[in-house]
Amino acid sequence: MQPRSDASAASPAYQAVIFDFEGTLVDFQWRLALAHEELRRAFDGLGFSGDEFSRGNYATMWNAAAGRQSAREGLAELRAAVHPIYDRWDADALTRWTPRAGAAELLRRLAAEGLRTGMVSNIGREALGAALNRFHFADVLSPVVSRDDVTFMKPRAEGIRRVLADWQLDADAVLFVGDSRADVRGARAAGLPVAIIRGGECTEADFADDPPDHMISGLGELLQLVAAKRQPGS
């Protein structure tokens, strides 16, 4: 699998970076199999059925349910029913999250060089806020958009578009950095170039059908990406 090349004309260096959280700035610790099993039972108990629930993951299950409930003005009830399950698995992961090597230093370096840094995460507000404070990320990330701040999680682009609107920046001036197919698809839907860091939620082979613009092995590689102009075929 080759990262997608940029066939457009050369464009300016990035002005900002939006980060995913789990698997990107910290290691991936959600217990996916157990969480998916519990969530499928919960959605089934609420009367939701279909491929999105029998085969989907934590994000696609929520998005499918939220799409149906919003039409019936039942989104608040849906949140009350299933968000506590998501919150419990967030809290479980919080006990084990460890920052990626150089994560705090990278964020401060980007800020020192005048780049804006924000976050869009499928983690809920409570666990995300606790982790960002614990790892000293909070003071250099603004805005931070959590699962609780949007109707739809990634791979929908709602949260990413919210950050772009807050910054009033064009999509091609902002790099999205994540670790999953949801990150690639969410960034693409919002028009952003995307870098994927290896070793997160998805394996490199998982991106065969959705190649990112850049595939990196460590956060330190981002410094060169954001500083350089993107050339045709790079």
Protein backbone atom coordinates (compact mmCIF):
# COMPACT_ATOMS: atom_id res chain seq x y z
CA MET A 1 0.00 0.00 0.00
CA GLN A 2 1.34 3.36 -1.06
CA PRO A 3 0.29 6.67 0.50
CA ARG A 4 -1.85 8.74 -1.83
CA SER A 5 0.19 11.22 -3.85
CA ASP A 6 -0.81 14.86 -4.26
CA ALA A 7 -1.20 15.64 -7.94
CA SER A 8 -2.21 19.25 -7.46
CA ALA A 9 -0.03 22.31 -7.78
CA ALA A 10 2.39 23.08 -4.96
CA SER A 11 0.60 24.59 -1.98
CA PRO A 12 1.83 26.47 1.08
CA ALA A 13 3.11 24.78 4.18
CA TYR A 14 0.43 23.72 6.65
CA GLN A 15 -0.86 26.38 8.99
CA ALA A 16 -2.45 24.02 11.51
CA VAL A 17 -2.71 20.39 12.59
CA ILE A 18 -5.75 18.54 13.91
CA PHE A 19 -4.92 15.46 15.96
CA ASP A 20 -6.89 12.39 16.84
CA PHE A 21 -6.23 11.25 20.42
CA GLU A 22 -6.22 7.51 21.16
CA GLY A 23 -3.73 5.63 19.02
CA THR A 24 -2.26 8.92 17.81
CA LEU A 25 -0.96 11.00 20.73
CA VAL A 26 -1.34 8.08 23.15
CA ASP A 27 -1.35 4.32 22.65
CA PHE A 28 -4.57 2.51 21.76
CA GLN A 29 -6.12 0.90 24.83
CA TRP A 30 -9.86 0.52 24.17
CA ARG A 31 -10.85 -3.14 24.63
CA LEU A 32 -12.62 -3.28 21.28
CA ALA A 33 -14.00 -6.83 21.31
CA LEU A 34 -15.58 -6.52 24.75
CA ALA A 35 -16.84 -2.99 24.10
CA HIS A 36 -18.39 -3.93 20.77
CA GLU A 37 -20.14 -6.92 22.35
CA GLU A 38 -21.69 -4.75 25.06
CA LEU A 39 -22.67 -2.01 22.63
CA ARG A 40 -24.31 -4.45 20.23
CA ARG A 41 -26.42 -5.83 23.07
CA ALA A 42 -27.39 -2.32 24.13
CA PHE A 43 -28.37 -1.17 20.64
CA ASP A 44 -30.28 -4.40 20.05
CA GLY A 45 -32.16 -3.83 23.29
CA LEU A 46 -33.14 -0.38 22.03
CA GLY A 47 -34.56 -1.90 18.84
CA PHE A 48 -31.73 -1.10 16.42
CA SER A 49 -30.83 -3.73 13.85
CA GLY A 50 -29.00 -4.05 10.54
CA ASP A 51 -25.47 -4.48 9.27
CA GLU A 52 -24.29 -1.28 10.97
CA PHE A 53 -24.98 -2.94 14.32
CA SER A 54 -24.18 -6.59 13.63
CA ARG A 55 -20.91 -5.79 11.83
CA GLY A 56 -20.10 -2.19 12.67
CA ASN A 57 -17.71 -0.77 15.24
CA TYR A 58 -18.31 1.60 18.15
CA ALA A 59 -18.42 4.66 15.85
CA THR A 60 -20.49 3.29 12.97
CA MET A 61 -23.02 1.81 15.42
CA TRP A 62 -23.47 5.16 17.11
CA ASN A 63 -23.67 7.08 13.84
CA ALA A 64 -26.32 4.75 12.44
CA ALA A 65 -28.41 4.99 15.61
CA ALA A 66 -27.97 8.76 15.89
CA GLY A 67 -29.03 9.21 12.28
CA ARG A 68 -32.28 7.39 12.94
CA GLN A 69 -32.95 8.98 16.31
CA SER A 70 -32.28 12.56 15.24
CA ALA A 71 -35.15 12.27 12.78
CA ARG A 72 -37.40 11.27 15.69
CA GLU A 73 -35.93 13.87 18.03
CA GLY A 74 -34.73 11.12 20.32
CA LEU A 75 -31.03 11.92 20.40
CA ALA A 76 -30.98 12.94 24.07
CA GLU A 77 -32.62 9.67 25.08
CA LEU A 78 -30.14 7.71 22.96
CA ARG A 79 -27.21 9.47 24.61
CA ALA A 80 -28.60 8.74 28.05
CA ALA A 81 -29.00 5.06 27.17
CA VAL A 82 -25.66 4.25 25.57
CA HIS A 83 -23.12 6.98 26.34
CA PRO A 84 -22.53 5.57 29.82
CA ILE A 85 -21.26 2.40 28.11
CA TYR A 86 -18.85 4.41 25.98
CA ASP A 87 -17.80 6.36 29.07
CA ARG A 88 -17.00 3.17 31.01
CA TRP A 89 -14.74 1.90 28.24
CA ASP A 90 -13.11 5.33 28.02
CA ALA A 91 -12.46 5.23 31.77
CA ASP A 92 -11.01 1.74 31.48
CA ALA A 93 -8.62 2.88 28.72
CA LEU A 94 -7.70 5.97 30.76
CA THR A 95 -6.11 3.73 33.39
CA ARG A 96 -3.62 2.46 30.78
CA TRP A 97 -3.04 5.27 28.27
CA THR A 98 0.60 6.23 27.78
CA PRO A 99 1.72 9.12 25.55
CA ARG A 100 3.46 8.37 22.29
CA ALA A 101 7.16 9.17 22.43
CA GLY A 102 7.73 12.89 22.04
CA ALA A 103 4.02 13.81 21.95
CA ALA A 104 4.11 16.73 24.40
CA GLU A 105 7.34 18.06 22.91
CA LEU A 106 5.89 17.91 19.39
CA LEU A 107 2.80 19.88 20.37
CA ARG A 108 4.90 22.59 21.98
CA ARG A 109 7.26 22.73 19.03
CA LEU A 110 4.38 23.17 16.61
CA ALA A 111 2.90 25.93 18.76
CA ALA A 112 6.28 27.64 19.04
CA GLU A 113 6.54 27.66 15.25
CA GLY A 114 3.19 29.39 14.96
CA LEU A 115 0.98 26.47 13.97
CA ARG A 116 -2.43 25.99 15.49
CA THR A 117 -3.11 22.57 16.99
CA GLY A 118 -6.53 21.14 17.76
CA MET A 119 -8.15 17.78 18.37
CA VAL A 120 -11.14 15.77 17.18
CA SER A 121 -11.63 12.53 19.10
CA ASN A 122 -14.27 9.84 19.45
CA ILE A 123 -13.40 9.68 23.15
CA GLY A 124 -15.87 11.33 25.52
CA ARG A 125 -15.27 14.66 27.22
CA GLU A 126 -14.64 13.37 30.76
CA ALA A 127 -11.87 10.86 30.02
CA LEU A 128 -10.40 13.01 27.26
CA GLY A 129 -10.14 16.06 29.50
CA ALA A 130 -8.54 14.04 32.29
CA ALA A 131 -5.97 12.57 29.91
CA LEU A 132 -5.11 15.86 28.23
CA ASN A 133 -4.45 17.42 31.64
CA ARG A 134 -2.49 14.42 32.88
CA PHE A 135 -0.18 14.41 29.88
CA HIS A 136 0.13 18.21 29.66
CA PHE A 137 -1.52 18.42 26.25
CA ALA A 138 -4.47 20.62 27.19
CA ASP A 139 -2.75 24.02 27.07
CA VAL A 140 -1.61 23.62 23.45
CA LEU A 141 -4.74 22.11 21.87
CA SER A 142 -7.64 24.38 20.99
CA PRO A 143 -10.33 23.61 20.17
CA VAL A 144 -10.80 20.08 21.46
CA VAL A 145 -13.88 18.34 20.05
CA SER A 146 -14.94 15.17 21.87
CA ARG A 147 -17.63 12.59 21.21
CA ASP A 148 -19.96 14.58 23.47
CA ASP A 149 -19.63 17.71 21.34
CA VAL A 150 -21.00 16.31 18.08
CA THR A 151 -23.96 14.36 16.80
CA PHE A 152 -21.84 12.05 14.66
CA MET A 153 -18.42 10.56 15.39
CA LYS A 154 -15.63 10.10 12.88
CA PRO A 155 -15.65 8.85 10.12
CA ARG A 156 -18.28 11.56 9.74
CA ALA A 157 -16.61 14.94 9.32
CA GLU A 158 -18.74 17.01 11.70
CA GLY A 159 -16.06 17.53 14.33
CA ILE A 160 -13.34 18.32 11.80
CA ARG A 161 -15.52 20.88 10.06
CA ARG A 162 -16.23 22.47 13.44
CA VAL A 163 -12.52 23.02 14.02
CA LEU A 164 -12.02 24.47 10.54
CA ALA A 165 -14.87 26.89 11.14
CA ASP A 166 -13.41 27.91 14.48
CA TRP A 167 -10.02 28.57 12.91
CA GLN A 168 -11.47 30.04 9.70
CA LEU A 169 -8.90 28.13 7.67
CA ASP A 170 -9.23 26.37 4.32
CA ALA A 171 -9.08 22.60 4.49
CA ASP A 172 -5.88 22.29 2.46
CA ALA A 173 -4.02 24.44 4.99
CA VAL A 174 -4.66 21.91 7.75
CA LEU A 175 -3.15 18.44 8.22
CA PHE A 176 -5.13 15.77 10.05
CA VAL A 177 -3.10 13.23 12.02
CA GLY A 178 -4.69 9.96 13.11
CA ASP A 179 -4.29 6.20 13.31
CA SER A 180 -7.47 4.67 11.86
CA ARG A 181 -9.59 4.31 8.75
CA ALA A 182 -12.17 6.51 10.44
CA ASP A 183 -9.53 9.25 10.60
CA VAL A 184 -8.72 8.92 6.90
CA ARG A 185 -12.36 8.92 5.89
CA GLY A 186 -13.31 11.79 8.18
CA ALA A 187 -10.42 13.92 6.98
CA ARG A 188 -11.19 13.15 3.32
CA ALA A 189 -14.86 14.05 3.82
CA ALA A 190 -13.77 17.44 5.16
CA GLY A 191 -11.21 17.91 2.36
CA LEU A 192 -8.11 17.65 4.56
CA PRO A 193 -4.85 15.88 3.76
CA VAL A 194 -4.17 13.17 6.33
CA ALA A 195 -1.17 11.48 7.92
CA ILE A 196 -1.52 8.10 9.64
CA ILE A 197 0.83 6.96 12.37
CA ARG A 198 1.56 3.25 12.49
CA GLY A 199 0.77 1.14 15.52
CA GLY A 200 -2.65 2.51 16.44
CA GLU A 201 -6.17 1.13 16.06
CA CYS A 202 -5.64 -0.12 12.50
CA THR A 203 -2.83 -2.05 10.87
CA GLU A 204 -1.11 -0.63 7.81
CA ALA A 205 -2.84 -3.24 5.63
CA ASP A 206 -6.22 -1.84 6.70
CA PHE A 207 -5.54 1.29 4.64
CA ALA A 208 -5.22 -0.52 1.29
CA ASP A 209 -8.54 0.89 0.09
CA ASP A 210 -8.13 4.27 1.81
CA PRO A 211 -4.47 5.26 1.58
CA PRO A 212 -3.49 8.38 3.51
CA ASP A 213 -1.33 11.15 2.06
CA HIS A 214 1.43 10.22 4.50
CA MET A 215 2.23 7.11 6.55
CA ILE A 216 4.58 7.78 9.45
CA SER A 217 6.20 5.69 12.15
CA GLY A 218 6.71 8.38 14.78
CA LEU A 219 5.36 11.78 15.71
CA GLY A 220 8.72 13.42 15.11
CA GLU A 221 8.23 12.90 11.37
CA LEU A 222 5.43 15.46 11.42
CA LEU A 223 7.83 18.35 11.87
CA GLN A 224 9.19 17.85 8.38
CA LEU A 225 5.70 17.35 6.92
CA VAL A 226 4.23 20.55 8.27
CA ALA A 227 7.27 22.64 7.41
CA ALA A 228 7.67 21.51 3.81
CA LYS A 229 5.63 22.60 0.83
CA ARG A 230 3.69 19.73 -0.69
CA GLN A 231 4.99 19.13 -4.19
CA PRO A 232 3.23 17.25 -7.02
CA GLY A 233 3.84 13.52 -6.67
CA SER A 234 5.47 13.84 -3.23
